Amino acid sequence: MKNSFLALELANMKLAVNASRQRCRAAAVRDDGQIDPEEARILKKIDAVTDKFLKELNKID
């Protein structure tokens, strides 16, 4: 990518998305120490959407 500032913002977006995914997983276990079936279903959807979004961001590089 020619524009180094844009490349940096893109890298920041990827880091933020992955950090958000990790925070969601941590939040799911925070209340009772384990992931119940409903939380697992939600996390699975978050993972799928996150993976799809990151795949699209990687196409920009």
N, C-alpha and C. Protein backbone atom coordinates (compact mmCIF):
# COMPACT_ATOMS: atom_id res chain seq x y z
N MET A 1 0.85 -1.16 0.00
CA MET A 1 0.00 0.00 0.00
C MET A 1 0.90 1.23 0.00
N LYS A 2 0.60 2.16 -0.86
CA LYS A 2 1.41 3.37 -0.99
C LYS A 2 1.31 4.28 0.23
N ASN A 3 0.11 4.48 0.72
CA ASN A 3 -0.12 5.42 1.81
C ASN A 3 0.18 4.74 3.15
N SER A 4 1.30 5.11 3.76
CA SER A 4 1.71 4.46 5.00
C SER A 4 0.76 4.77 6.16
N PHE A 5 0.12 5.93 6.12
CA PHE A 5 -0.82 6.28 7.18
C PHE A 5 -2.07 5.39 7.10
N LEU A 6 -2.53 5.17 5.89
CA LEU A 6 -3.68 4.30 5.68
C LEU A 6 -3.33 2.85 6.07
N ALA A 7 -2.13 2.43 5.73
CA ALA A 7 -1.68 1.09 6.10
C ALA A 7 -1.64 0.92 7.61
N LEU A 8 -1.20 1.96 8.30
CA LEU A 8 -1.16 1.93 9.76
C LEU A 8 -2.57 1.83 10.34
N GLU A 9 -3.50 2.60 9.80
CA GLU A 9 -4.88 2.54 10.27
C GLU A 9 -5.49 1.17 10.02
N LEU A 10 -5.17 0.58 8.89
CA LEU A 10 -5.66 -0.76 8.58
C LEU A 10 -5.12 -1.78 9.59
N ALA A 11 -3.84 -1.67 9.90
CA ALA A 11 -3.23 -2.56 10.90
C ALA A 11 -3.89 -2.35 12.26
N ASN A 12 -4.17 -1.10 12.61
CA ASN A 12 -4.84 -0.82 13.88
C ASN A 12 -6.24 -1.43 13.92
N MET A 13 -6.95 -1.37 12.80
CA MET A 13 -8.28 -1.97 12.74
C MET A 13 -8.21 -3.47 13.00
N LYS A 14 -7.24 -4.13 12.40
CA LYS A 14 -7.09 -5.57 12.58
C LYS A 14 -6.80 -5.90 14.04
N LEU A 15 -5.92 -5.13 14.65
CA LEU A 15 -5.60 -5.36 16.07
C LEU A 15 -6.82 -5.12 16.95
N ALA A 16 -7.57 -4.07 16.66
CA ALA A 16 -8.75 -3.75 17.46
C ALA A 16 -9.82 -4.84 17.35
N VAL A 17 -10.01 -5.36 16.15
CA VAL A 17 -11.00 -6.41 15.94
C VAL A 17 -10.61 -7.67 16.71
N ASN A 18 -9.36 -8.05 16.64
CA ASN A 18 -8.90 -9.23 17.38
C ASN A 18 -8.97 -9.02 18.88
N ALA A 19 -8.63 -7.83 19.34
CA ALA A 19 -8.71 -7.54 20.77
C ALA A 19 -10.17 -7.58 21.24
N SER A 20 -11.07 -7.09 20.43
CA SER A 20 -12.49 -7.11 20.78
C SER A 20 -12.99 -8.55 20.87
N ARG A 21 -12.56 -9.39 19.97
CA ARG A 21 -12.95 -10.80 20.01
C ARG A 21 -12.48 -11.44 21.32
N GLN A 22 -11.25 -11.14 21.72
CA GLN A 22 -10.72 -11.69 22.97
C GLN A 22 -11.47 -11.15 24.18
N ARG A 23 -11.85 -9.87 24.14
CA ARG A 23 -12.61 -9.29 25.25
C ARG A 23 -14.00 -9.92 25.36
N CYS A 24 -14.60 -10.25 24.24
CA CYS A 24 -15.90 -10.92 24.26
C CYS A 24 -15.78 -12.30 24.92
N ARG A 25 -14.73 -13.01 24.59
CA ARG A 25 -14.51 -14.33 25.19
C ARG A 25 -14.28 -14.19 26.69
N ALA A 26 -13.48 -13.20 27.08
CA ALA A 26 -13.22 -12.98 28.51
C ALA A 26 -14.51 -12.58 29.23
N ALA A 27 -15.34 -11.78 28.59
CA ALA A 27 -16.61 -11.36 29.20
C ALA A 27 -17.55 -12.54 29.40
N ALA A 28 -17.50 -13.49 28.49
CA ALA A 28 -18.38 -14.65 28.59
C ALA A 28 -18.06 -15.50 29.82
N VAL A 29 -16.80 -15.57 30.20
CA VAL A 29 -16.42 -16.38 31.36
C VAL A 29 -16.37 -15.58 32.66
N ARG A 30 -16.43 -14.28 32.55
CA ARG A 30 -16.27 -13.43 33.73
C ARG A 30 -17.36 -13.64 34.78
N ASP A 31 -18.60 -13.81 34.35
CA ASP A 31 -19.70 -13.87 35.33
C ASP A 31 -19.70 -15.14 36.18
N ASP A 32 -19.48 -16.30 35.56
CA ASP A 32 -19.55 -17.55 36.33
C ASP A 32 -18.35 -18.48 36.12
N GLY A 33 -17.35 -18.02 35.40
CA GLY A 33 -16.14 -18.82 35.22
C GLY A 33 -16.18 -19.84 34.11
N GLN A 34 -17.28 -19.89 33.38
CA GLN A 34 -17.36 -20.83 32.27
C GLN A 34 -18.25 -20.27 31.16
N ILE A 35 -18.16 -20.90 30.01
CA ILE A 35 -18.95 -20.47 28.85
C ILE A 35 -20.14 -21.41 28.72
N ASP A 36 -21.35 -20.86 28.89
CA ASP A 36 -22.55 -21.69 28.77
C ASP A 36 -22.93 -21.82 27.29
N PRO A 37 -23.87 -22.69 26.97
CA PRO A 37 -24.23 -22.92 25.56
C PRO A 37 -24.68 -21.66 24.81
N GLU A 38 -25.44 -20.79 25.47
CA GLU A 38 -25.87 -19.56 24.79
C GLU A 38 -24.67 -18.66 24.49
N GLU A 39 -23.78 -18.52 25.46
CA GLU A 39 -22.58 -17.71 25.25
C GLU A 39 -21.71 -18.32 24.15
N ALA A 40 -21.61 -19.64 24.11
CA ALA A 40 -20.83 -20.31 23.07
C ALA A 40 -21.41 -20.03 21.70
N ARG A 41 -22.75 -20.02 21.60
CA ARG A 41 -23.41 -19.73 20.33
C ARG A 41 -23.10 -18.31 19.89
N ILE A 42 -23.18 -17.38 20.83
CA ILE A 42 -22.89 -15.98 20.52
C ILE A 42 -21.43 -15.81 20.11
N LEU A 43 -20.53 -16.43 20.84
CA LEU A 43 -19.10 -16.33 20.52
C LEU A 43 -18.80 -16.93 19.14
N LYS A 44 -19.49 -18.00 18.81
CA LYS A 44 -19.30 -18.62 17.49
C LYS A 44 -19.69 -17.65 16.38
N LYS A 45 -20.82 -16.94 16.59
CA LYS A 45 -21.25 -15.95 15.60
C LYS A 45 -20.26 -14.79 15.52
N ILE A 46 -19.78 -14.35 16.67
CA ILE A 46 -18.79 -13.26 16.69
C ILE A 46 -17.53 -13.69 15.95
N ASP A 47 -17.09 -14.92 16.19
CA ASP A 47 -15.90 -15.43 15.50
C ASP A 47 -16.11 -15.46 13.99
N ALA A 48 -17.28 -15.92 13.56
CA ALA A 48 -17.55 -16.01 12.12
C ALA A 48 -17.54 -14.64 11.46
N VAL A 49 -18.20 -13.69 12.09
CA VAL A 49 -18.26 -12.33 11.54
C VAL A 49 -16.88 -11.68 11.56
N THR A 50 -16.15 -11.89 12.65
CA THR A 50 -14.81 -11.33 12.77
C THR A 50 -13.89 -11.90 11.70
N ASP A 51 -13.95 -13.21 11.51
CA ASP A 51 -13.11 -13.84 10.48
C ASP A 51 -13.43 -13.30 9.09
N LYS A 52 -14.72 -13.12 8.83
CA LYS A 52 -15.14 -12.60 7.53
C LYS A 52 -14.64 -11.17 7.33
N PHE A 53 -14.76 -10.35 8.37
CA PHE A 53 -14.32 -8.96 8.29
C PHE A 53 -12.80 -8.89 8.10
N LEU A 54 -12.06 -9.69 8.86
CA LEU A 54 -10.60 -9.69 8.72
C LEU A 54 -10.17 -10.18 7.34
N LYS A 55 -10.90 -11.13 6.79
CA LYS A 55 -10.59 -11.61 5.44
C LYS A 55 -10.72 -10.48 4.43
N GLU A 56 -11.78 -9.67 4.59
CA GLU A 56 -11.98 -8.54 3.70
C GLU A 56 -10.89 -7.47 3.89
N LEU A 57 -10.51 -7.23 5.14
CA LEU A 57 -9.44 -6.26 5.40
C LEU A 57 -8.12 -6.73 4.80
N ASN A 58 -7.86 -8.03 4.87
CA ASN A 58 -6.62 -8.58 4.31
C ASN A 58 -6.55 -8.44 2.79
N LYS A 59 -7.70 -8.37 2.14
CA LYS A 59 -7.73 -8.17 0.70
C LYS A 59 -7.24 -6.78 0.31
N ILE A 60 -7.34 -5.84 1.25
CA ILE A 60 -6.95 -4.46 0.97
C ILE A 60 -5.44 -4.31 0.93
N ASP A 61 -4.74 -5.08 1.73
CA ASP A 61 -3.27 -4.96 1.81
C ASP A 61 -2.61 -4.97 0.47
